[in-house]
Amino acid sequence: MNLILYSKPGCHLCEGLQEKLEEILKDPENPCQFKLEVRDITTRDDWFQAYQYEVPVLCVSQTDTTTEKLIPRPSPRMPVRKLQQMLQKYL
């Protein structure tokens, strides 16, 4: 399963969410199995047009498809453990 994080440089909300996701990935007891892909929306016009006012945006995609499903944006104050529990619902 791929977890895609759409972000942009200088976005503190994006950076905070990315740090939490990376912390989840490093946890040896993590039940969520996913590959994190961070996409900079400033590198493509279609991403920028879609997400310029929405970042950070999380999507899930199957490894063998290009179809993406949006995940509700977690609160910036959400603890890592709660984020991990939320991700389990979608992964």
N, C-alpha and C. Protein backbone atom coordinates (compact mmCIF):
# COMPACT_ATOMS: atom_id res chain seq x y z
N MET A 1 0.84 -1.17 0.00
CA MET A 1 0.00 0.00 0.00
C MET A 1 0.89 1.24 0.00
N ASN A 2 0.53 2.21 -0.80
CA ASN A 2 1.26 3.47 -0.85
C ASN A 2 0.46 4.56 -0.15
N LEU A 3 1.14 5.32 0.67
CA LEU A 3 0.55 6.50 1.30
C LEU A 3 1.23 7.69 0.65
N ILE A 4 0.44 8.55 0.04
CA ILE A 4 0.97 9.70 -0.69
C ILE A 4 0.66 10.97 0.11
N LEU A 5 1.69 11.74 0.36
CA LEU A 5 1.55 13.01 1.05
C LEU A 5 1.85 14.13 0.05
N TYR A 6 0.82 14.89 -0.29
CA TYR A 6 1.01 16.07 -1.14
C TYR A 6 1.37 17.22 -0.22
N SER A 7 2.48 17.87 -0.51
CA SER A 7 2.96 18.95 0.35
C SER A 7 3.62 20.02 -0.50
N LYS A 8 4.07 21.07 0.17
CA LYS A 8 4.84 22.10 -0.53
C LYS A 8 5.92 22.62 0.40
N PRO A 9 7.02 23.10 -0.16
CA PRO A 9 8.12 23.61 0.66
C PRO A 9 7.67 24.76 1.56
N GLY A 10 8.17 24.73 2.79
CA GLY A 10 7.87 25.80 3.73
C GLY A 10 6.55 25.65 4.46
N CYS A 11 5.82 24.59 4.21
CA CYS A 11 4.54 24.36 4.87
C CYS A 11 4.80 23.63 6.18
N HIS A 12 4.62 24.30 7.31
CA HIS A 12 4.90 23.67 8.60
C HIS A 12 3.92 22.55 8.91
N LEU A 13 2.68 22.65 8.42
CA LEU A 13 1.72 21.56 8.62
C LEU A 13 2.16 20.30 7.86
N CYS A 14 2.67 20.51 6.64
CA CYS A 14 3.16 19.39 5.82
C CYS A 14 4.37 18.73 6.50
N GLU A 15 5.27 19.56 6.95
CA GLU A 15 6.49 19.03 7.59
C GLU A 15 6.16 18.26 8.87
N GLY A 16 5.22 18.79 9.65
CA GLY A 16 4.83 18.12 10.89
C GLY A 16 4.18 16.77 10.62
N LEU A 17 3.32 16.71 9.62
CA LEU A 17 2.66 15.45 9.28
C LEU A 17 3.68 14.45 8.73
N GLN A 18 4.59 14.92 7.90
CA GLN A 18 5.62 14.02 7.36
C GLN A 18 6.48 13.43 8.48
N GLU A 19 6.84 14.25 9.45
CA GLU A 19 7.64 13.75 10.59
C GLU A 19 6.89 12.66 11.35
N LYS A 20 5.59 12.87 11.56
CA LYS A 20 4.80 11.86 12.27
C LYS A 20 4.69 10.57 11.48
N LEU A 21 4.50 10.69 10.17
CA LEU A 21 4.41 9.50 9.32
C LEU A 21 5.73 8.73 9.31
N GLU A 22 6.83 9.45 9.26
CA GLU A 22 8.14 8.80 9.28
C GLU A 22 8.39 8.13 10.63
N GLU A 23 7.90 8.73 11.70
CA GLU A 23 8.03 8.13 13.03
C GLU A 23 7.24 6.81 13.08
N ILE A 24 6.06 6.80 12.49
CA ILE A 24 5.26 5.57 12.44
C ILE A 24 6.00 4.49 11.66
N LEU A 25 6.61 4.86 10.56
CA LEU A 25 7.34 3.89 9.74
C LEU A 25 8.53 3.30 10.48
N LYS A 26 9.16 4.08 11.34
CA LYS A 26 10.35 3.61 12.07
C LYS A 26 9.99 2.74 13.28
N ASP A 27 8.74 2.78 13.71
CA ASP A 27 8.31 2.02 14.88
C ASP A 27 8.29 0.53 14.54
N PRO A 28 9.10 -0.29 15.23
CA PRO A 28 9.14 -1.73 14.93
C PRO A 28 7.83 -2.45 15.26
N GLU A 29 7.01 -1.86 16.09
CA GLU A 29 5.72 -2.47 16.45
C GLU A 29 4.57 -1.90 15.64
N ASN A 30 4.88 -1.18 14.58
CA ASN A 30 3.88 -0.54 13.74
C ASN A 30 3.06 -1.58 12.98
N PRO A 31 1.75 -1.63 13.20
CA PRO A 31 0.92 -2.57 12.45
C PRO A 31 0.55 -2.06 11.05
N CYS A 32 0.76 -0.78 10.80
CA CYS A 32 0.45 -0.19 9.49
C CYS A 32 1.61 -0.45 8.53
N GLN A 33 1.33 -1.12 7.48
CA GLN A 33 2.35 -1.38 6.47
C GLN A 33 2.07 -0.50 5.26
N PHE A 34 2.95 0.46 5.02
CA PHE A 34 2.78 1.34 3.86
C PHE A 34 4.13 1.89 3.43
N LYS A 35 4.15 2.32 2.20
CA LYS A 35 5.31 3.01 1.65
C LYS A 35 4.90 4.48 1.53
N LEU A 36 5.72 5.37 2.09
CA LEU A 36 5.41 6.80 2.06
C LEU A 36 6.04 7.45 0.84
N GLU A 37 5.21 8.16 0.09
CA GLU A 37 5.68 8.93 -1.06
C GLU A 37 5.28 10.38 -0.83
N VAL A 38 6.26 11.27 -0.80
CA VAL A 38 6.00 12.69 -0.60
C VAL A 38 6.08 13.38 -1.96
N ARG A 39 5.00 14.08 -2.31
CA ARG A 39 4.94 14.77 -3.60
C ARG A 39 4.87 16.27 -3.37
N ASP A 40 5.80 16.98 -3.96
CA ASP A 40 5.85 18.44 -3.88
C ASP A 40 4.91 19.00 -4.94
N ILE A 41 3.84 19.65 -4.51
CA ILE A 41 2.85 20.14 -5.46
C ILE A 41 3.38 21.25 -6.36
N THR A 42 4.50 21.86 -6.00
CA THR A 42 5.04 22.93 -6.84
C THR A 42 5.79 22.38 -8.05
N THR A 43 5.92 21.07 -8.15
CA THR A 43 6.65 20.48 -9.28
C THR A 43 5.75 20.13 -10.45
N ARG A 44 4.44 20.17 -10.24
CA ARG A 44 3.50 19.86 -11.33
C ARG A 44 2.30 20.77 -11.24
N ASP A 45 1.89 21.32 -12.37
CA ASP A 45 0.76 22.25 -12.40
C ASP A 45 -0.55 21.60 -11.95
N ASP A 46 -0.80 20.34 -12.35
CA ASP A 46 -2.05 19.70 -11.98
C ASP A 46 -2.14 19.48 -10.47
N TRP A 47 -1.04 19.11 -9.85
CA TRP A 47 -1.03 18.95 -8.39
C TRP A 47 -1.24 20.30 -7.71
N PHE A 48 -0.56 21.32 -8.23
CA PHE A 48 -0.67 22.64 -7.63
C PHE A 48 -2.10 23.16 -7.71
N GLN A 49 -2.72 23.03 -8.89
CA GLN A 49 -4.10 23.49 -9.06
C GLN A 49 -5.06 22.74 -8.14
N ALA A 50 -4.83 21.45 -7.94
CA ALA A 50 -5.73 20.64 -7.13
C ALA A 50 -5.56 20.88 -5.63
N TYR A 51 -4.34 21.12 -5.19
CA TYR A 51 -4.07 21.10 -3.74
C TYR A 51 -3.45 22.37 -3.17
N GLN A 52 -3.35 23.45 -3.93
CA GLN A 52 -2.63 24.62 -3.44
C GLN A 52 -3.21 25.19 -2.14
N TYR A 53 -4.50 25.04 -1.92
CA TYR A 53 -5.12 25.56 -0.69
C TYR A 53 -5.46 24.46 0.31
N GLU A 54 -5.08 23.24 0.01
CA GLU A 54 -5.49 22.10 0.82
C GLU A 54 -4.36 21.37 1.54
N VAL A 55 -3.10 21.62 1.19
CA VAL A 55 -2.01 20.84 1.76
C VAL A 55 -1.94 21.00 3.26
N PRO A 56 -1.54 19.97 3.96
CA PRO A 56 -1.14 18.66 3.47
C PRO A 56 -2.36 17.79 3.10
N VAL A 57 -2.17 16.99 2.07
CA VAL A 57 -3.22 16.08 1.60
C VAL A 57 -2.66 14.67 1.62
N LEU A 58 -3.43 13.75 2.19
CA LEU A 58 -3.05 12.34 2.23
C LEU A 58 -3.95 11.53 1.31
N CYS A 59 -3.33 10.63 0.56
CA CYS A 59 -4.06 9.70 -0.31
C CYS A 59 -3.47 8.31 -0.14
N VAL A 60 -4.30 7.32 -0.41
CA VAL A 60 -3.86 5.93 -0.39
C VAL A 60 -4.03 5.39 -1.80
N SER A 61 -3.06 4.59 -2.23
CA SER A 61 -3.19 3.91 -3.52
C SER A 61 -2.63 2.50 -3.40
N GLN A 62 -3.22 1.61 -4.13
CA GLN A 62 -2.69 0.26 -4.21
C GLN A 62 -1.37 0.33 -4.96
N THR A 63 -0.45 -0.54 -4.63
CA THR A 63 0.87 -0.53 -5.25
C THR A 63 0.78 -0.71 -6.76
N ASP A 64 -0.16 -1.50 -7.22
CA ASP A 64 -0.23 -1.83 -8.64
C ASP A 64 -1.23 -0.97 -9.43
N THR A 65 -1.74 0.11 -8.84
CA THR A 65 -2.69 0.97 -9.55
C THR A 65 -2.29 2.43 -9.42
N THR A 66 -2.94 3.26 -10.23
CA THR A 66 -2.71 4.71 -10.13
C THR A 66 -3.90 5.41 -9.49
N THR A 67 -4.91 4.66 -9.11
CA THR A 67 -6.10 5.23 -8.46
C THR A 67 -5.76 5.62 -7.04
N GLU A 68 -6.13 6.85 -6.69
CA GLU A 68 -5.86 7.36 -5.35
C GLU A 68 -7.17 7.64 -4.62
N LYS A 69 -7.17 7.35 -3.31
CA LYS A 69 -8.32 7.62 -2.47
C LYS A 69 -7.89 8.61 -1.39
N LEU A 70 -8.61 9.73 -1.30
CA LEU A 70 -8.28 10.73 -0.30
C LEU A 70 -8.59 10.22 1.10
N ILE A 71 -7.74 10.60 2.04
CA ILE A 71 -7.93 10.31 3.46
C ILE A 71 -8.21 11.64 4.15
N PRO A 72 -9.15 11.67 5.09
CA PRO A 72 -9.39 12.93 5.81
C PRO A 72 -8.11 13.45 6.46
N ARG A 73 -7.93 14.76 6.38
CA ARG A 73 -6.72 15.36 6.94
C ARG A 73 -6.74 15.27 8.47
N PRO A 74 -5.67 14.72 9.04
CA PRO A 74 -5.61 14.66 10.51
C PRO A 74 -5.32 16.04 11.09
N SER A 75 -5.74 16.23 12.30
CA SER A 75 -5.46 17.47 13.01
C SER A 75 -3.95 17.60 13.22
N PRO A 76 -3.40 18.81 13.10
CA PRO A 76 -1.97 19.00 13.36
C PRO A 76 -1.59 18.64 14.79
N ARG A 77 -2.55 18.65 15.69
CA ARG A 77 -2.29 18.34 17.10
C ARG A 77 -2.46 16.85 17.42
N MET A 78 -2.85 16.06 16.41
CA MET A 78 -3.09 14.64 16.64
C MET A 78 -1.79 13.94 17.03
N PRO A 79 -1.80 13.22 18.16
CA PRO A 79 -0.59 12.48 18.55
C PRO A 79 -0.29 11.36 17.54
N VAL A 80 0.96 10.95 17.51
CA VAL A 80 1.41 9.93 16.58
C VAL A 80 0.58 8.65 16.73
N ARG A 81 0.32 8.24 17.95
CA ARG A 81 -0.43 7.00 18.20
C ARG A 81 -1.84 7.08 17.60
N LYS A 82 -2.49 8.23 17.75
CA LYS A 82 -3.83 8.42 17.17
C LYS A 82 -3.78 8.42 15.65
N LEU A 83 -2.74 9.04 15.09
CA LEU A 83 -2.57 9.05 13.64
C LEU A 83 -2.40 7.62 13.14
N GLN A 84 -1.63 6.85 13.84
CA GLN A 84 -1.41 5.45 13.48
C GLN A 84 -2.74 4.68 13.50
N GLN A 85 -3.56 4.91 14.51
CA GLN A 85 -4.86 4.25 14.58
C GLN A 85 -5.76 4.68 13.43
N MET A 86 -5.72 5.97 13.09
CA MET A 86 -6.52 6.46 11.98
C MET A 86 -6.10 5.81 10.67
N LEU A 87 -4.80 5.70 10.47
CA LEU A 87 -4.29 5.12 9.23
C LEU A 87 -4.70 3.65 9.08
N GLN A 88 -4.80 2.94 10.19
CA GLN A 88 -5.20 1.54 10.13
C GLN A 88 -6.57 1.38 9.48
N LYS A 89 -7.43 2.34 9.63
CA LYS A 89 -8.77 2.28 9.01
C LYS A 89 -8.69 2.34 7.48
N TYR A 90 -7.68 3.04 6.97
CA TYR A 90 -7.61 3.30 5.54
C TYR A 90 -6.60 2.46 4.79
N LEU A 91 -5.70 1.83 5.53
CA LEU A 91 -4.64 1.04 4.85
C LEU A 91 -4.98 -0.43 4.78
